[in-house]
C-alpha atoms as a PDB file:
ATOM      1  CA  UNK A   1     200.559 113.927 141.502  1.00  0.00           C
ATOM      2  CA  UNK A   2     197.424 111.959 142.294  1.00  0.00           C
ATOM      3  CA  UNK A   3     196.382 114.538 144.891  1.00  0.00           C
ATOM      4  CA  UNK A   4     196.774 117.386 142.417  1.00  0.00           C
ATOM      5  CA  UNK A   5     194.733 115.529 139.792  1.00  0.00           C
ATOM      6  CA  UNK A   6     191.967 114.895 142.301  1.00  0.00           C
ATOM      7  CA  UNK A   7     191.942 118.540 143.337  1.00  0.00           C
ATOM      8  CA  UNK A   8     191.703 119.678 139.677  1.00  0.00           C
ATOM      9  CA  UNK A   9     188.835 117.271 139.011  1.00  0.00           C
ATOM     10  CA  UNK A  10     186.964 118.529 142.061  1.00  0.00           C
ATOM     11  CA  UNK A  11     187.489 122.144 141.022  1.00  0.00           C
ATOM     12  CA  UNK A  12     186.238 121.393 137.478  1.00  0.00           C
ATOM     13  CA  UNK A  13     183.186 119.644 138.880  1.00  0.00           C
ATOM     14  CA  UNK A  14     182.416 122.582 141.171  1.00  0.00           C
ATOM     15  CA  UNK A  15     182.754 125.094 138.305  1.00  0.00           C
ATOM     16  CA  UNK A  16     180.482 122.984 136.116  1.00  0.00           C
ATOM     17  CA  UNK A  17     177.915 122.919 138.889  1.00  0.00           C
ATOM     18  CA  UNK A  18     178.191 126.669 139.235  1.00  0.00           C
ATOM     19  CA  UNK A  19     177.695 127.105 135.494  1.00  0.00           C
ATOM     20  CA  UNK A  20     174.608 124.905 135.552  1.00  0.00           C
ATOM     21  CA  UNK A  21     172.958 126.915 138.264  1.00  0.00           C
ATOM     22  CA  UNK A  22     171.885 129.890 136.042  1.00  0.00           C
ATOM     23  CA  UNK A  23     170.633 127.502 133.361  1.00  0.00           C
ATOM     24  CA  UNK A  24     168.465 125.778 135.914  1.00  0.00           C
ATOM     25  CA  UNK A  25     167.064 129.138 136.986  1.00  0.00           C
ATOM     26  CA  UNK A  26     166.303 130.073 133.353  1.00  0.00           C
ATOM     27  CA  UNK A  27     164.694 126.691 132.751  1.00  0.00           C
ATOM     28  CA  UNK A  28     162.522 127.220 135.800  1.00  0.00           C
ATOM     29  CA  UNK A  29     161.241 130.456 134.292  1.00  0.00           C
ATOM     30  CA  UNK A  30     160.688 128.780 130.947  1.00  0.00           C
ATOM     31  CA  UNK A  31     158.241 126.326 132.356  1.00  0.00           C
ATOM     32  CA  UNK A  32     160.079 123.704 134.365  1.00  0.00           C
ATOM     33  CA  UNK A  33     158.321 124.762 137.580  1.00  0.00           C
ATOM     34  CA  UNK A  34     155.911 122.389 139.267  1.00  0.00           C
ATOM     35  CA  UNK A  35     152.259 122.761 138.185  1.00  0.00           C
ATOM     36  CA  UNK A  36     151.122 123.894 141.637  1.00  0.00           C
ATOM     37  CA  UNK A  37     153.733 126.664 141.739  1.00  0.00           C
ATOM     38  CA  UNK A  38     152.778 127.706 138.206  1.00  0.00           C
ATOM     39  CA  UNK A  39     149.126 128.057 139.093  1.00  0.00           C
ATOM     40  CA  UNK A  40     149.945 130.111 142.193  1.00  0.00           C
ATOM     41  CA  UNK A  41     152.047 132.543 140.156  1.00  0.00           C
ATOM     42  CA  UNK A  42     149.320 132.852 137.509  1.00  0.00           C
ATOM     43  CA  UNK A  43     146.627 133.502 140.100  1.00  0.00           C
ATOM     44  CA  UNK A  44     148.684 136.161 141.880  1.00  0.00           C
ATOM     45  CA  UNK A  45     149.501 137.838 138.555  1.00  0.00           C
ATOM     46  CA  UNK A  46     145.835 137.850 137.545  1.00  0.00           C
ATOM     47  CA  UNK A  47     144.807 139.304 140.894  1.00  0.00           C
ATOM     48  CA  UNK A  48     147.395 142.071 140.621  1.00  0.00           C
ATOM     49  CA  UNK A  49     146.253 142.834 137.078  1.00  0.00           C
ATOM     50  CA  UNK A  50     142.599 142.994 138.145  1.00  0.00           C
ATOM     51  CA  UNK A  51     143.423 145.325 141.046  1.00  0.00           C
ATOM     52  CA  UNK A  52     145.424 147.623 138.754  1.00  0.00           C
ATOM     53  CA  UNK A  53     142.618 147.723 136.207  1.00  0.00           C
ATOM     54  CA  UNK A  54     140.050 148.526 138.889  1.00  0.00           C
ATOM     55  CA  UNK A  55     142.172 151.423 140.187  1.00  0.00           C
ATOM     56  CA  UNK A  56     142.883 152.794 136.696  1.00  0.00           C
ATOM     57  CA  UNK A  57     139.276 152.571 135.512  1.00  0.00           C
ATOM     58  CA  UNK A  58     138.007 154.111 138.748  1.00  0.00           C
ATOM     59  CA  UNK A  59     140.305 157.109 138.321  1.00  0.00           C
ATOM     60  CA  UNK A  60     139.305 157.449 134.651  1.00  0.00           C
ATOM     61  CA  UNK A  61     135.605 157.311 135.497  1.00  0.00           C
ATOM     62  CA  UNK A  62     136.016 159.990 138.176  1.00  0.00           C
ATOM     63  CA  UNK A  63     137.932 162.262 135.793  1.00  0.00           C
ATOM     64  CA  UNK A  64     135.292 161.709 133.105  1.00  0.00           C
ATOM     65  CA  UNK A  65     132.539 162.635 135.524  1.00  0.00           C
ATOM     66  CA  UNK A  66     134.405 165.795 136.528  1.00  0.00           C
ATOM     67  CA  UNK A  67     134.502 166.802 132.860  1.00  0.00           C
ATOM     68  CA  UNK A  68     131.003 165.717 131.823  1.00  0.00           C
ATOM     69  CA  UNK A  69     128.885 166.657 134.851  1.00  0.00           C
ATOM     70  CA  UNK A  70     129.273 170.478 134.430  1.00  0.00           C
ATOM     71  CA  UNK A  71     128.143 170.211 130.801  1.00  0.00           C
ATOM     72  CA  UNK A  72     125.232 168.005 131.831  1.00  0.00           C
ATOM     73  CA  UNK A  73     124.177 170.495 134.523  1.00  0.00           C
ATOM     74  CA  UNK A  74     124.393 173.344 132.009  1.00  0.00           C
ATOM     75  CA  UNK A  75     122.227 171.537 129.432  1.00  0.00           C
ATOM     76  CA  UNK A  76     119.671 170.441 132.037  1.00  0.00           C
ATOM     77  CA  UNK A  77     119.372 173.930 133.513  1.00  0.00           C
ATOM     78  CA  UNK A  78     118.851 175.404 130.050  1.00  0.00           C
ATOM     79  CA  UNK A  79     115.570 173.447 129.933  1.00  0.00           C
ATOM     80  CA  UNK A  80     114.376 174.599 133.372  1.00  0.00           C
ATOM     81  CA  UNK A  81     112.703 177.772 134.548  1.00  0.00           C
ATOM     82  CA  UNK A  82     114.370 180.294 136.820  1.00  0.00           C
ATOM     83  CA  UNK A  83     112.282 179.292 139.858  1.00  0.00           C
ATOM     84  CA  UNK A  84     113.075 175.603 139.356  1.00  0.00           C
ATOM     85  CA  UNK A  85     116.816 176.286 139.073  1.00  0.00           C
ATOM     86  CA  UNK A  86     116.812 178.222 142.337  1.00  0.00           C
ATOM     87  CA  UNK A  87     115.198 175.282 144.112  1.00  0.00           C
ATOM     88  CA  UNK A  88     118.209 173.044 143.443  1.00  0.00           C
ATOM     89  CA  UNK A  89     119.749 170.628 140.999  1.00  0.00           C
ATOM     90  CA  UNK A  90     117.717 168.055 139.105  1.00  0.00           C
ATOM     91  CA  UNK A  91     118.914 165.181 136.940  1.00  0.00           C
ATOM     92  CA  UNK A  92     115.777 165.349 134.800  1.00  0.00           C
ATOM     93  CA  UNK A  93     115.287 168.038 132.120  1.00  0.00           C
ATOM     94  CA  UNK A  94     112.520 170.576 132.428  1.00  0.00           C
ATOM     95  CA  UNK A  95     109.925 171.846 129.984  1.00  0.00           C
ATOM     96  CA  UNK A  96     111.094 175.473 129.628  1.00  0.00           C
ATOM     97  CA  UNK A  97     113.628 175.064 126.821  1.00  0.00           C
ATOM     98  CA  UNK A  98     111.555 176.922 124.212  1.00  0.00           C
ATOM     99  CA  UNK A  99     110.530 179.557 126.741  1.00  0.00           C
ATOM    100  CA  UNK A 100     114.151 180.238 127.706  1.00  0.00           C
ATOM    101  CA  UNK A 101     115.106 180.507 124.047  1.00  0.00           C
ATOM    102  CA  UNK A 102     112.312 183.005 123.389  1.00  0.00           C
ATOM    103  CA  UNK A 103     113.320 185.015 126.462  1.00  0.00           C
ATOM    104  CA  UNK A 104     116.912 185.099 125.217  1.00  0.00           C
ATOM    105  CA  UNK A 105     115.806 186.454 121.850  1.00  0.00           C
ATOM    106  CA  UNK A 106     113.385 188.939 123.422  1.00  0.00           C
ATOM    107  CA  UNK A 107     116.121 191.161 124.924  1.00  0.00           C
ATOM    108  CA  UNK A 108     116.124 194.371 122.898  1.00  0.00           C
ATOM    109  CA  UNK A 109     119.674 195.336 123.916  1.00  0.00           C
ATOM    110  CA  UNK A 110     121.112 191.924 123.005  1.00  0.00           C
ATOM    111  CA  UNK A 111     121.534 190.637 119.456  1.00  0.00           C
ATOM    112  CA  UNK A 112     122.415 186.987 119.933  1.00  0.00           C
ATOM    113  CA  UNK A 113     122.647 186.144 116.228  1.00  0.00           C
ATOM    114  CA  UNK A 114     124.934 189.089 115.487  1.00  0.00           C
ATOM    115  CA  UNK A 115     127.079 188.246 118.502  1.00  0.00           C
ATOM    116  CA  UNK A 116     127.565 184.653 117.324  1.00  0.00           C
ATOM    117  CA  UNK A 117     128.556 185.864 113.835  1.00  0.00           C
ATOM    118  CA  UNK A 118     131.030 188.348 115.299  1.00  0.00           C
ATOM    119  CA  UNK A 119     132.564 185.765 117.592  1.00  0.00           C
ATOM    120  CA  UNK A 120     132.873 183.224 114.771  1.00  0.00           C
ATOM    121  CA  UNK A 121     134.527 185.752 112.461  1.00  0.00           C
ATOM    122  CA  UNK A 122     137.012 186.952 115.084  1.00  0.00           C
ATOM    123  CA  UNK A 123     137.816 183.456 116.343  1.00  0.00           C
ATOM    124  CA  UNK A 124     138.323 181.887 112.909  1.00  0.00           C
ATOM    125  CA  UNK A 125     140.393 184.827 111.657  1.00  0.00           C
ATOM    126  CA  UNK A 126     142.537 184.839 114.789  1.00  0.00           C
ATOM    127  CA  UNK A 127     143.130 181.078 114.704  1.00  0.00           C
ATOM    128  CA  UNK A 128     144.038 181.049 110.996  1.00  0.00           C
ATOM    129  CA  UNK A 129     146.460 183.975 111.267  1.00  0.00           C
ATOM    130  CA  UNK A 130     148.018 182.600 114.446  1.00  0.00           C
ATOM    131  CA  UNK A 131     148.681 179.145 113.025  1.00  0.00           C
ATOM    132  CA  UNK A 132     149.858 180.272 109.588  1.00  0.00           C
ATOM    133  CA  UNK A 133     152.282 183.022 110.588  1.00  0.00           C
ATOM    134  CA  UNK A 134     153.588 181.082 113.585  1.00  0.00           C
ATOM    135  CA  UNK A 135     154.361 178.127 111.313  1.00  0.00           C
ATOM    136  CA  UNK A 136     155.979 180.455 108.773  1.00  0.00           C
ATOM    137  CA  UNK A 137     158.179 182.055 111.446  1.00  0.00           C
ATOM    138  CA  UNK A 138     159.116 178.697 112.945  1.00  0.00           C
ATOM    139  CA  UNK A 139     160.055 177.368 109.498  1.00  0.00           C
ATOM    140  CA  UNK A 140     162.277 180.380 108.799  1.00  0.00           C
ATOM    141  CA  UNK A 141     164.164 180.132 112.082  1.00  0.00           C
ATOM    142  CA  UNK A 142     164.428 176.340 111.884  1.00  0.00           C
ATOM    143  CA  UNK A 143     165.614 176.012 108.276  1.00  0.00           C
ATOM    144  CA  UNK A 144     167.719 179.114 107.595  1.00  0.00           C
ATOM    145  CA  UNK A 145     171.072 180.075 109.071  1.00  0.00           C
ATOM    146  CA  UNK A 146     171.537 183.857 109.316  1.00  0.00           C
ATOM    147  CA  UNK A 147     173.073 186.424 111.618  1.00  0.00           C
ATOM    148  CA  UNK A 148     170.874 187.218 114.568  1.00  0.00           C
ATOM    149  CA  UNK A 149     168.982 183.912 114.340  1.00  0.00           C
ATOM    150  CA  UNK A 150     169.587 182.974 117.983  1.00  0.00           C
ATOM    151  CA  UNK A 151     168.860 186.531 119.088  1.00  0.00           C
ATOM    152  CA  UNK A 152     165.518 186.483 117.236  1.00  0.00           C
ATOM    153  CA  UNK A 153     164.586 183.186 118.865  1.00  0.00           C
ATOM    154  CA  UNK A 154     165.505 184.407 122.354  1.00  0.00           C
ATOM    155  CA  UNK A 155     163.656 187.692 121.755  1.00  0.00           C
ATOM    156  CA  UNK A 156     160.473 185.807 120.853  1.00  0.00           C
ATOM    157  CA  UNK A 157     160.821 183.727 124.017  1.00  0.00           C
ATOM    158  CA  UNK A 158     161.290 186.939 126.002  1.00  0.00           C
ATOM    159  CA  UNK A 159     158.100 188.389 124.524  1.00  0.00           C
ATOM    160  CA  UNK A 160     156.311 185.177 125.518  1.00  0.00           C
ATOM    161  CA  UNK A 161     157.086 185.957 129.183  1.00  0.00           C
ATOM    162  CA  UNK A 162     155.326 189.352 129.055  1.00  0.00           C
ATOM    163  CA  UNK A 163     151.682 189.203 130.257  1.00  0.00           C
ATOM    164  CA  UNK A 164     149.194 189.914 127.488  1.00  0.00           C
ATOM    165  CA  UNK A 165     147.355 192.465 129.631  1.00  0.00           C
ATOM    166  CA  UNK A 166     150.424 194.731 129.674  1.00  0.00           C
ATOM    167  CA  UNK A 167     150.785 194.777 125.896  1.00  0.00           C
ATOM    168  CA  UNK A 168     147.007 195.103 125.507  1.00  0.00           C
ATOM    169  CA  UNK A 169     146.962 198.515 127.152  1.00  0.00           C
ATOM    170  CA  UNK A 170     149.385 199.912 124.577  1.00  0.00           C
ATOM    171  CA  UNK A 171     147.377 198.300 121.785  1.00  0.00           C
ATOM    172  CA  UNK A 172     144.178 199.910 123.050  1.00  0.00           C
ATOM    173  CA  UNK A 173     145.861 203.311 123.185  1.00  0.00           C
ATOM    174  CA  UNK A 174     147.066 202.909 119.595  1.00  0.00           C
ATOM    175  CA  UNK A 175     143.604 201.794 118.468  1.00  0.00           C
ATOM    176  CA  UNK A 176     142.022 204.947 119.930  1.00  0.00           C
ATOM    177  CA  UNK A 177     144.652 207.181 118.296  1.00  0.00           C
ATOM    178  CA  UNK A 178     144.182 205.752 114.793  1.00  0.00           C
ATOM    179  CA  UNK A 179     140.376 205.536 115.090  1.00  0.00           C
ATOM    180  CA  UNK A 180     140.090 201.737 115.063  1.00  0.00           C
ATOM    181  CA  UNK A 181     137.591 201.526 117.892  1.00  0.00           C
ATOM    182  CA  UNK A 182     134.517 199.382 117.163  1.00  0.00           C
ATOM    183  CA  UNK A 183     136.399 197.463 114.478  1.00  0.00           C
ATOM    184  CA  UNK A 184     137.680 193.902 114.473  1.00  0.00           C
ATOM    185  CA  UNK A 185     141.153 194.820 113.207  1.00  0.00           C
ATOM    186  CA  UNK A 186     142.737 195.358 116.673  1.00  0.00           C
ATOM    187  CA  UNK A 187     141.361 191.965 117.711  1.00  0.00           C
ATOM    188  CA  UNK A 188     142.469 189.999 114.641  1.00  0.00           C
ATOM    189  CA  UNK A 189     145.713 191.496 113.292  1.00  0.00           C
ATOM    190  CA  UNK A 190     147.764 191.169 116.538  1.00  0.00           C
ATOM    191  CA  UNK A 191     147.152 187.408 116.361  1.00  0.00           C
ATOM    192  CA  UNK A 192     149.939 187.281 113.754  1.00  0.00           C
ATOM    193  CA  UNK A 193     152.449 187.578 116.621  1.00  0.00           C
ATOM    194  CA  UNK A 194     151.839 184.592 118.891  1.00  0.00           C
ATOM    195  CA  UNK A 195     155.063 183.559 120.686  1.00  0.00           C
ATOM    196  CA  UNK A 196     153.522 180.568 122.456  1.00  0.00           C
ATOM    197  CA  UNK A 197     152.185 179.075 119.218  1.00  0.00           C
ATOM    198  CA  UNK A 198     155.502 179.756 117.482  1.00  0.00           C
ATOM    199  CA  UNK A 199     157.468 177.977 120.214  1.00  0.00           C
ATOM    200  CA  UNK A 200     155.205 174.912 120.174  1.00  0.00           C
ATOM    201  CA  UNK A 201     155.283 174.612 116.374  1.00  0.00           C
ATOM    202  CA  UNK A 202     159.067 175.043 116.251  1.00  0.00           C
ATOM    203  CA  UNK A 203     159.587 172.310 118.833  1.00  0.00           C
ATOM    204  CA  UNK A 204     157.280 169.997 116.894  1.00  0.00           C
ATOM    205  CA  UNK A 205     159.035 170.908 113.640  1.00  0.00           C
ATOM    206  CA  UNK A 206     162.409 169.925 115.063  1.00  0.00           C
ATOM    207  CA  UNK A 207     161.087 166.460 115.896  1.00  0.00           C
ATOM    208  CA  UNK A 208     159.271 165.592 112.649  1.00  0.00           C
ATOM    209  CA  UNK A 209     160.607 167.756 109.805  1.00  0.00           C
ATOM    210  CA  UNK A 210     163.693 166.332 108.126  1.00  0.00           C
ATOM    211  CA  UNK A 211     165.988 168.872 106.493  1.00  0.00           C
ATOM    212  CA  UNK A 212     166.984 166.285 103.853  1.00  0.00           C
ATOM    213  CA  UNK A 213     163.426 166.359 102.480  1.00  0.00           C
ATOM    214  CA  UNK A 214     163.589 170.128 102.101  1.00  0.00           C
ATOM    215  CA  UNK A 215     167.015 169.959 100.444  1.00  0.00           C
ATOM    216  CA  UNK A 216     165.818 167.324  97.973  1.00  0.00           C
ATOM    217  CA  UNK A 217     162.819 169.508  97.070  1.00  0.00           C
ATOM    218  CA  UNK A 218     165.136 172.461  96.481  1.00  0.00           C
ATOM    219  CA  UNK A 219     167.341 170.333  94.211  1.00  0.00           C
ATOM    220  CA  UNK A 220     164.241 169.355  92.231  1.00  0.00           C
ATOM    221  CA  UNK A 221     163.567 173.048  91.614  1.00  0.00           C
ATOM    222  CA  UNK A 222     160.687 173.712  94.043  1.00  0.00           C
ATOM    223  CA  UNK A 223     160.406 177.262  95.333  1.00  0.00           C
ATOM    224  CA  UNK A 224     160.436 178.063  99.043  1.00  0.00           C
ATOM    225  CA  UNK A 225     156.773 179.063  99.030  1.00  0.00           C
ATOM    226  CA  UNK A 226     155.796 175.805  97.337  1.00  0.00           C
ATOM    227  CA  UNK A 227     157.913 173.770  99.751  1.00  0.00           C
ATOM    228  CA  UNK A 228     156.290 175.469 102.714  1.00  0.00           C
ATOM    229  CA  UNK A 229     152.704 175.083 101.494  1.00  0.00           C
ATOM    230  CA  UNK A 230     152.872 171.633  99.892  1.00  0.00           C
ATOM    231  CA  UNK A 231     155.388 169.845 102.118  1.00  0.00           C
ATOM    232  CA  UNK A 232     155.842 171.578 105.456  1.00  0.00           C
ATOM    233  CA  UNK A 233     152.215 172.404 106.259  1.00  0.00           C
ATOM    234  CA  UNK A 234     150.936 168.841 105.639  1.00  0.00           C
ATOM    235  CA  UNK A 235     153.666 167.465 107.893  1.00  0.00           C
ATOM    236  CA  UNK A 236     152.726 170.013 110.558  1.00  0.00           C
ATOM    237  CA  UNK A 237     149.015 169.235 110.364  1.00  0.00           C
ATOM    238  CA  UNK A 238     148.692 167.675 113.877  1.00  0.00           C
ATOM    239  CA  UNK A 239     150.498 170.589 115.552  1.00  0.00           C
ATOM    240  CA  UNK A 240     148.517 173.144 113.542  1.00  0.00           C
ATOM    241  CA  UNK A 241     145.239 171.457 114.442  1.00  0.00           C
ATOM    242  CA  UNK A 242     146.078 171.536 118.152  1.00  0.00           C
ATOM    243  CA  UNK A 243     147.093 175.185 118.037  1.00  0.00           C
ATOM    244  CA  UNK A 244     144.026 176.067 115.960  1.00  0.00           C
ATOM    245  CA  UNK A 245     141.786 174.636 118.671  1.00  0.00           C
ATOM    246  CA  UNK A 246     143.644 176.534 121.402  1.00  0.00           C
ATOM    247  CA  UNK A 247     143.609 179.804 119.458  1.00  0.00           C
ATOM    248  CA  UNK A 248     139.924 179.470 118.567  1.00  0.00           C
ATOM    249  CA  UNK A 249     138.853 178.731 122.137  1.00  0.00           C
ATOM    250  CA  UNK A 250     141.018 181.536 123.526  1.00  0.00           C
ATOM    251  CA  UNK A 251     139.596 184.072 121.081  1.00  0.00           C
ATOM    252  CA  UNK A 252     136.023 182.838 121.570  1.00  0.00           C
ATOM    253  CA  UNK A 253     136.272 183.259 125.348  1.00  0.00           C
ATOM    254  CA  UNK A 254     138.197 186.544 125.199  1.00  0.00           C
ATOM    255  CA  UNK A 255     136.454 189.265 127.184  1.00  0.00           C
ATOM    256  CA  UNK A 256     139.240 191.698 128.090  1.00  0.00           C
ATOM    257  CA  UNK A 257     140.141 193.114 124.670  1.00  0.00           C
ATOM    258  CA  UNK A 258     136.619 193.218 123.138  1.00  0.00           C
ATOM    259  CA  UNK A 259     135.360 195.023 126.224  1.00  0.00           C
ATOM    260  CA  UNK A 260     137.936 197.769 125.646  1.00  0.00           C
ATOM    261  CA  UNK A 261     137.620 197.987 121.848  1.00  0.00           C
ATOM    262  CA  UNK A 262     133.987 197.180 121.017  1.00  0.00           C
ATOM    263  CA  UNK A 263     131.390 199.586 122.395  1.00  0.00           C
ATOM    264  CA  UNK A 264     128.778 199.384 119.631  1.00  0.00           C
ATOM    265  CA  UNK A 265     125.945 196.916 120.280  1.00  0.00           C
ATOM    266  CA  UNK A 266     126.206 195.577 116.743  1.00  0.00           C
ATOM    267  CA  UNK A 267     129.882 194.640 117.263  1.00  0.00           C
ATOM    268  CA  UNK A 268     129.512 192.736 120.522  1.00  0.00           C
ATOM    269  CA  UNK A 269     130.719 189.176 121.012  1.00  0.00           C
ATOM    270  CA  UNK A 270     129.377 186.297 123.108  1.00  0.00           C
ATOM    271  CA  UNK A 271     131.391 187.100 126.298  1.00  0.00           C
ATOM    272  CA  UNK A 272     130.158 190.705 126.204  1.00  0.00           C
ATOM    273  CA  UNK A 273     126.537 189.589 125.899  1.00  0.00           C
ATOM    274  CA  UNK A 274     126.991 187.128 128.732  1.00  0.00           C
ATOM    275  CA  UNK A 275     128.335 189.923 130.904  1.00  0.00           C
ATOM    276  CA  UNK A 276     125.313 192.070 130.036  1.00  0.00           C
ATOM    277  CA  UNK A 277     122.962 189.298 131.109  1.00  0.00           C
ATOM    278  CA  UNK A 278     124.781 188.792 134.385  1.00  0.00           C
ATOM    279  CA  UNK A 279     124.686 192.502 135.205  1.00  0.00           C
ATOM    280  CA  UNK A 280     121.031 192.949 134.244  1.00  0.00           C
ATOM    281  CA  UNK A 281     118.269 194.153 136.544  1.00  0.00           C
ATOM    282  CA  UNK A 282     117.729 191.745 139.480  1.00  0.00           C
ATOM    283  CA  UNK A 283     113.991 191.937 138.866  1.00  0.00           C
ATOM    284  CA  UNK A 284     114.443 190.527 135.358  1.00  0.00           C
ATOM    285  CA  UNK A 285     117.432 188.289 136.128  1.00  0.00           C
ATOM    286  CA  UNK A 286     116.762 184.807 134.714  1.00  0.00           C
ATOM    287  CA  UNK A 287     119.113 181.879 135.275  1.00  0.00           C
ATOM    288  CA  UNK A 288     117.359 179.850 132.603  1.00  0.00           C
ATOM    289  CA  UNK A 289     118.274 182.439 129.969  1.00  0.00           C
ATOM    290  CA  UNK A 290     121.902 182.505 131.126  1.00  0.00           C
ATOM    291  CA  UNK A 291     122.206 178.722 130.933  1.00  0.00           C
ATOM    292  CA  UNK A 292     120.572 178.821 127.509  1.00  0.00           C
ATOM    293  CA  UNK A 293     123.200 181.340 126.336  1.00  0.00           C
ATOM    294  CA  UNK A 294     125.979 179.133 127.727  1.00  0.00           C
ATOM    295  CA  UNK A 295     124.581 176.122 125.893  1.00  0.00           C
ATOM    296  CA  UNK A 296     124.405 178.046 122.613  1.00  0.00           C
ATOM    297  CA  UNK A 297     127.937 179.406 123.109  1.00  0.00           C
ATOM    298  CA  UNK A 298     129.470 175.976 123.695  1.00  0.00           C
ATOM    299  CA  UNK A 299     128.149 174.424 120.468  1.00  0.00           C
ATOM    300  CA  UNK A 300     130.706 176.031 118.065  1.00  0.00           C
ATOM    301  CA  UNK A 301     133.543 175.003 120.381  1.00  0.00           C
ATOM    302  CA  UNK A 302     132.417 171.379 120.304  1.00  0.00           C
ATOM    303  CA  UNK A 303     132.116 171.427 116.511  1.00  0.00           C
ATOM    304  CA  UNK A 304     135.609 172.894 116.087  1.00  0.00           C
ATOM    305  CA  UNK A 305     137.072 170.359 118.492  1.00  0.00           C
ATOM    306  CA  UNK A 306     135.417 167.393 116.793  1.00  0.00           C
ATOM    307  CA  UNK A 307     136.511 168.507 113.313  1.00  0.00           C
ATOM    308  CA  UNK A 308     140.119 169.283 114.178  1.00  0.00           C
ATOM    309  CA  UNK A 309     140.585 166.274 116.445  1.00  0.00           C
ATOM    310  CA  UNK A 310     140.011 164.123 113.348  1.00  0.00           C
ATOM    311  CA  UNK A 311     142.651 166.176 111.544  1.00  0.00           C
ATOM    312  CA  UNK A 312     145.103 165.457 114.360  1.00  0.00           C
ATOM    313  CA  UNK A 313     144.605 161.705 113.995  1.00  0.00           C
ATOM    314  CA  UNK A 314     144.698 161.741 110.196  1.00  0.00           C
ATOM    315  CA  UNK A 315     147.805 163.928 110.233  1.00  0.00           C
ATOM    316  CA  UNK A 316     149.631 161.572 112.564  1.00  0.00           C
ATOM    317  CA  UNK A 317     148.890 158.588 110.362  1.00  0.00           C
ATOM    318  CA  UNK A 318     149.316 160.161 106.935  1.00  0.00           C
ATOM    319  CA  UNK A 319     151.643 163.150 107.186  1.00  0.00           C
ATOM    320  CA  UNK A 320     152.656 164.506 103.813  1.00  0.00           C
ATOM    321  CA  UNK A 321     153.670 161.216 102.199  1.00  0.00           C
ATOM    322  CA  UNK A 322     151.220 159.604  99.807  1.00  0.00           C
ATOM    323  CA  UNK A 323     151.378 156.466  97.724  1.00  0.00           C
END
């Protein structure tokens, strides 16, 4: 009996020691380590943090330079003469900014002011129609249950896979048949059907738009049009702002369709004018004028980005809930 009692006591002591072991480890992490060991761990952690920060900030600086340097070169070259640009790159601006601007306006076959107005009208109209009708289509497929709903969604995704150049050829043929050449209608109206924008807005709608909010508004007597304009659109403001920027930039830089539709000099857009300058007579070819046109063309894009980037931030913080 004594032997068995001794064995039980030894086993209990061993189990208690085993149970204390994890507590001792936890206490060591809580601050029961020796001061010298603590300081070594802190120093190594600080060194690792400093190294990580150096690597991260170095990569960010390099990426920033890759984005900023082309714009800086463009602005600097817009202030330099053609002969100076051909000599090589310079970090300092030149003194030919006003001369390049006058040379740009002196081309008789190029109407820079009219081209900017045309590009602004086409780009704003395209972006507004793209965002509005894509959001309306996404809301209909997301909220309503009807026969053929899945087929409609898959059909839109299938259309998204078709290259735009293929569908553009049919659109150009239709425009020539119905006498819509040299008009902005073939460039603006097709923006209603934008599968990529629809897909992005629908995916965003599934993540932020609660169906209970819509049902409660219907119970309160709100119409579907009012629900869409006063509740859904404010909630979708960040996604709409992003897609507006993409649609505006894509339409502003579009050269393929305007080159096929617009042949009148008074209907030309910025990409068409830029192409005319590039293909001008080598004797009168001026790089300073081309860089000046690029600088002028980039200003509306920067303004649109700055305005709608604020809408993205405000939409994320506010949404459609007030009070």
